[in-house]
């Protein structure tokens, strides 16, 4: 029996489980939500643009323990839903 892992997984902020091949990002402008996303997203040019803009706004200081992306959840999901990975 196989378990299928969704491409983007929302987790509660208290959950520390991150499957192998995934990493955590926090998305939002004011209220941030935690997403566990595939490492393969790092190869996508549009995701690299998001990371560059996050670096401009937040630098390398990420107090929540994961990368913080300063976009609304809707924009983030809109961009990442186009990835074919």
N, C-alpha and C. Protein backbone atom coordinates (compact mmCIF):
# COMPACT_ATOMS: atom_id res chain seq x y z
N UNK A 1 0.85 -1.17 0.00
CA UNK A 1 0.00 0.00 0.00
C UNK A 1 0.89 1.23 0.00
N UNK A 2 0.70 2.13 -0.93
CA UNK A 2 1.51 3.35 -1.03
C UNK A 2 0.76 4.53 -0.45
N UNK A 3 1.50 5.45 0.09
CA UNK A 3 0.93 6.69 0.61
C UNK A 3 1.35 7.80 -0.33
N UNK A 4 0.38 8.52 -0.85
CA UNK A 4 0.69 9.62 -1.77
C UNK A 4 0.78 10.92 -0.98
N UNK A 5 1.87 11.64 -1.13
CA UNK A 5 2.08 12.90 -0.44
C UNK A 5 1.68 14.02 -1.39
N UNK A 6 0.80 14.94 -0.96
CA UNK A 6 0.43 16.05 -1.83
C UNK A 6 1.64 16.91 -2.18
N UNK A 7 1.56 17.64 -3.30
CA UNK A 7 2.68 18.47 -3.75
C UNK A 7 2.97 19.59 -2.77
N UNK A 8 1.94 20.21 -2.23
CA UNK A 8 2.13 21.22 -1.19
C UNK A 8 1.31 20.76 0.00
N UNK A 9 1.93 20.76 1.15
CA UNK A 9 1.23 20.34 2.35
C UNK A 9 1.21 21.48 3.34
N UNK A 10 0.01 21.85 3.78
CA UNK A 10 -0.10 22.83 4.85
C UNK A 10 0.04 22.06 6.15
N UNK A 11 0.83 22.58 7.04
CA UNK A 11 1.01 21.93 8.35
C UNK A 11 0.74 22.96 9.43
N UNK A 12 0.36 22.48 10.59
CA UNK A 12 0.22 23.40 11.70
C UNK A 12 1.60 23.90 12.10
N UNK A 13 1.64 25.07 12.70
CA UNK A 13 2.93 25.66 13.06
C UNK A 13 3.64 24.87 14.15
N UNK A 14 2.94 23.94 14.79
CA UNK A 14 3.58 23.15 15.84
C UNK A 14 4.17 21.85 15.30
N UNK A 15 3.81 21.48 14.09
CA UNK A 15 4.31 20.24 13.52
C UNK A 15 5.74 20.43 13.03
N UNK A 16 6.62 19.52 13.40
CA UNK A 16 8.01 19.62 13.01
C UNK A 16 8.39 18.58 11.96
N UNK A 17 7.43 17.75 11.55
CA UNK A 17 7.72 16.69 10.59
C UNK A 17 7.84 17.26 9.18
N UNK A 18 8.99 17.04 8.58
CA UNK A 18 9.21 17.44 7.19
C UNK A 18 9.75 16.21 6.47
N UNK A 19 9.00 15.68 5.50
CA UNK A 19 9.46 14.48 4.79
C UNK A 19 10.74 14.75 4.01
N UNK A 20 11.50 13.70 3.80
CA UNK A 20 12.72 13.81 3.01
C UNK A 20 12.35 14.32 1.62
N UNK A 21 13.13 15.27 1.11
CA UNK A 21 12.87 15.84 -0.20
C UNK A 21 11.96 17.06 -0.18
N UNK A 22 11.62 17.53 1.01
CA UNK A 22 10.74 18.69 1.18
C UNK A 22 11.41 19.71 2.10
N UNK A 23 10.92 20.96 2.07
CA UNK A 23 11.38 21.96 3.02
C UNK A 23 10.23 22.89 3.37
N UNK A 24 10.44 23.70 4.39
CA UNK A 24 9.38 24.56 4.93
C UNK A 24 9.54 25.98 4.42
N UNK A 25 8.41 26.58 4.02
CA UNK A 25 8.35 28.00 3.73
C UNK A 25 7.16 28.58 4.50
N UNK A 26 7.29 29.84 4.88
CA UNK A 26 6.19 30.56 5.51
C UNK A 26 5.72 31.60 4.52
N UNK A 27 4.41 31.62 4.25
CA UNK A 27 3.85 32.47 3.21
C UNK A 27 2.82 33.40 3.82
N UNK A 28 2.91 34.66 3.43
CA UNK A 28 1.92 35.63 3.86
C UNK A 28 2.54 36.98 4.13
N UNK A 29 1.69 38.00 4.10
CA UNK A 29 2.15 39.35 4.34
C UNK A 29 2.10 39.69 5.83
N UNK A 30 1.00 39.39 6.47
CA UNK A 30 0.88 39.66 7.91
C UNK A 30 0.77 38.34 8.68
N UNK A 31 -0.26 37.59 8.37
CA UNK A 31 -0.45 36.27 8.97
C UNK A 31 0.27 35.27 8.09
N UNK A 32 1.24 34.57 8.61
CA UNK A 32 2.02 33.63 7.80
C UNK A 32 1.55 32.20 8.03
N UNK A 33 1.44 31.48 6.93
CA UNK A 33 1.07 30.07 6.99
C UNK A 33 2.27 29.23 6.59
N UNK A 34 2.38 28.09 7.22
CA UNK A 34 3.50 27.19 6.99
C UNK A 34 3.14 26.19 5.90
N UNK A 35 4.02 26.05 4.90
CA UNK A 35 3.85 25.08 3.84
C UNK A 35 5.09 24.19 3.78
N UNK A 36 4.87 22.92 3.52
CA UNK A 36 5.96 21.99 3.29
C UNK A 36 5.92 21.68 1.80
N UNK A 37 7.00 22.06 1.09
CA UNK A 37 6.99 21.96 -0.37
C UNK A 37 8.17 21.14 -0.86
N UNK A 38 8.05 20.57 -2.06
CA UNK A 38 9.14 19.75 -2.60
C UNK A 38 10.39 20.58 -2.90
N UNK A 39 11.53 20.01 -2.66
CA UNK A 39 12.80 20.66 -2.97
C UNK A 39 12.90 20.92 -4.48
N UNK A 40 12.23 20.13 -5.28
CA UNK A 40 12.28 20.30 -6.73
C UNK A 40 11.76 21.67 -7.17
N UNK A 41 10.99 22.37 -6.34
CA UNK A 41 10.53 23.72 -6.66
C UNK A 41 11.70 24.68 -6.82
N UNK A 42 12.82 24.36 -6.19
CA UNK A 42 13.99 25.25 -6.26
C UNK A 42 14.51 25.42 -7.69
N UNK A 43 14.20 24.49 -8.57
CA UNK A 43 14.68 24.58 -9.95
C UNK A 43 13.76 25.40 -10.85
N UNK A 44 12.62 25.82 -10.34
CA UNK A 44 11.65 26.59 -11.12
C UNK A 44 12.02 28.08 -11.13
N UNK A 45 12.15 28.70 -12.31
CA UNK A 45 12.51 30.12 -12.37
C UNK A 45 11.56 31.03 -11.60
N UNK A 46 10.26 30.78 -11.67
CA UNK A 46 9.31 31.64 -10.95
C UNK A 46 9.47 31.49 -9.43
N UNK A 47 9.83 30.29 -8.96
CA UNK A 47 10.07 30.11 -7.53
C UNK A 47 11.37 30.79 -7.12
N UNK A 48 12.36 30.75 -7.98
CA UNK A 48 13.61 31.45 -7.72
C UNK A 48 13.37 32.95 -7.61
N UNK A 49 12.47 33.49 -8.43
CA UNK A 49 12.10 34.91 -8.33
C UNK A 49 11.47 35.21 -6.97
N UNK A 50 10.58 34.32 -6.52
CA UNK A 50 9.98 34.50 -5.19
C UNK A 50 11.05 34.54 -4.10
N UNK A 51 12.02 33.64 -4.20
CA UNK A 51 13.09 33.59 -3.20
C UNK A 51 13.95 34.85 -3.24
N UNK A 52 14.20 35.37 -4.43
CA UNK A 52 14.98 36.60 -4.56
C UNK A 52 14.26 37.77 -3.91
N UNK A 53 12.96 37.85 -4.13
CA UNK A 53 12.19 38.93 -3.52
C UNK A 53 12.10 38.75 -2.01
N UNK A 54 12.02 37.51 -1.55
CA UNK A 54 12.02 37.25 -0.11
C UNK A 54 13.35 37.68 0.51
N UNK A 55 14.44 37.42 -0.21
CA UNK A 55 15.76 37.83 0.28
C UNK A 55 15.86 39.35 0.37
N UNK A 56 15.32 40.06 -0.63
CA UNK A 56 15.34 41.52 -0.60
C UNK A 56 14.58 42.06 0.61
N UNK A 57 13.44 41.45 0.91
CA UNK A 57 12.61 41.96 2.00
C UNK A 57 13.09 41.51 3.38
N UNK A 58 13.50 40.24 3.49
CA UNK A 58 13.83 39.68 4.80
C UNK A 58 15.31 39.40 4.99
N UNK A 59 16.11 39.46 3.95
CA UNK A 59 17.51 39.07 4.08
C UNK A 59 17.60 37.59 4.39
N UNK A 60 18.57 37.23 5.18
CA UNK A 60 18.73 35.83 5.56
C UNK A 60 18.24 35.56 6.97
N UNK A 61 17.51 36.50 7.54
CA UNK A 61 16.97 36.35 8.89
C UNK A 61 15.56 35.78 8.78
N UNK A 62 15.37 34.56 9.21
CA UNK A 62 14.07 33.90 9.15
C UNK A 62 13.73 33.38 10.54
N UNK A 63 13.13 34.23 11.37
CA UNK A 63 12.89 33.86 12.77
C UNK A 63 11.94 32.69 12.96
N UNK A 64 11.16 32.34 11.95
CA UNK A 64 10.20 31.25 12.10
C UNK A 64 10.84 29.90 11.80
N UNK A 65 12.10 29.88 11.36
CA UNK A 65 12.79 28.62 11.13
C UNK A 65 12.73 28.13 9.70
N UNK A 66 12.00 28.78 8.84
CA UNK A 66 11.93 28.42 7.43
C UNK A 66 11.99 29.68 6.61
N UNK A 67 12.08 29.53 5.32
CA UNK A 67 12.13 30.68 4.42
C UNK A 67 10.78 31.40 4.48
N UNK A 68 10.81 32.72 4.56
CA UNK A 68 9.59 33.52 4.59
C UNK A 68 9.39 34.16 3.22
N UNK A 69 8.22 33.95 2.64
CA UNK A 69 7.88 34.51 1.33
C UNK A 69 6.79 35.56 1.53
N UNK A 70 7.09 36.83 1.17
CA UNK A 70 6.19 37.95 1.49
C UNK A 70 5.04 38.14 0.51
N UNK A 71 4.36 37.10 0.13
CA UNK A 71 3.21 37.18 -0.77
C UNK A 71 2.00 36.59 -0.08
N UNK A 72 0.83 36.91 -0.62
CA UNK A 72 -0.38 36.31 -0.07
C UNK A 72 -0.39 34.82 -0.41
N UNK A 73 -1.14 34.08 0.36
CA UNK A 73 -1.25 32.64 0.14
C UNK A 73 -1.80 32.35 -1.25
N UNK A 74 -2.74 33.14 -1.72
CA UNK A 74 -3.34 32.94 -3.04
C UNK A 74 -2.33 33.09 -4.17
N UNK A 75 -1.48 34.09 -4.09
CA UNK A 75 -0.45 34.29 -5.11
C UNK A 75 0.54 33.13 -5.10
N UNK A 76 0.96 32.72 -3.91
CA UNK A 76 1.91 31.62 -3.78
C UNK A 76 1.33 30.33 -4.39
N UNK A 77 0.11 30.02 -4.05
CA UNK A 77 -0.52 28.81 -4.57
C UNK A 77 -0.74 28.92 -6.07
N UNK A 78 -1.10 30.11 -6.55
CA UNK A 78 -1.27 30.31 -7.99
C UNK A 78 0.00 30.05 -8.76
N UNK A 79 1.12 30.52 -8.24
CA UNK A 79 2.40 30.32 -8.91
C UNK A 79 2.83 28.86 -8.85
N UNK A 80 2.78 28.27 -7.67
CA UNK A 80 3.27 26.90 -7.50
C UNK A 80 2.35 25.86 -8.13
N UNK A 81 1.08 26.18 -8.31
CA UNK A 81 0.17 25.21 -8.92
C UNK A 81 0.46 25.00 -10.41
N UNK A 82 1.25 25.89 -11.00
CA UNK A 82 1.61 25.76 -12.41
C UNK A 82 2.82 24.86 -12.63
N UNK A 83 3.51 24.48 -11.56
CA UNK A 83 4.70 23.66 -11.69
C UNK A 83 4.32 22.24 -12.06
N UNK A 84 5.06 21.66 -12.97
CA UNK A 84 4.89 20.26 -13.38
C UNK A 84 6.12 19.49 -12.95
N UNK A 85 6.08 19.02 -11.71
CA UNK A 85 7.26 18.36 -11.16
C UNK A 85 6.92 16.94 -10.78
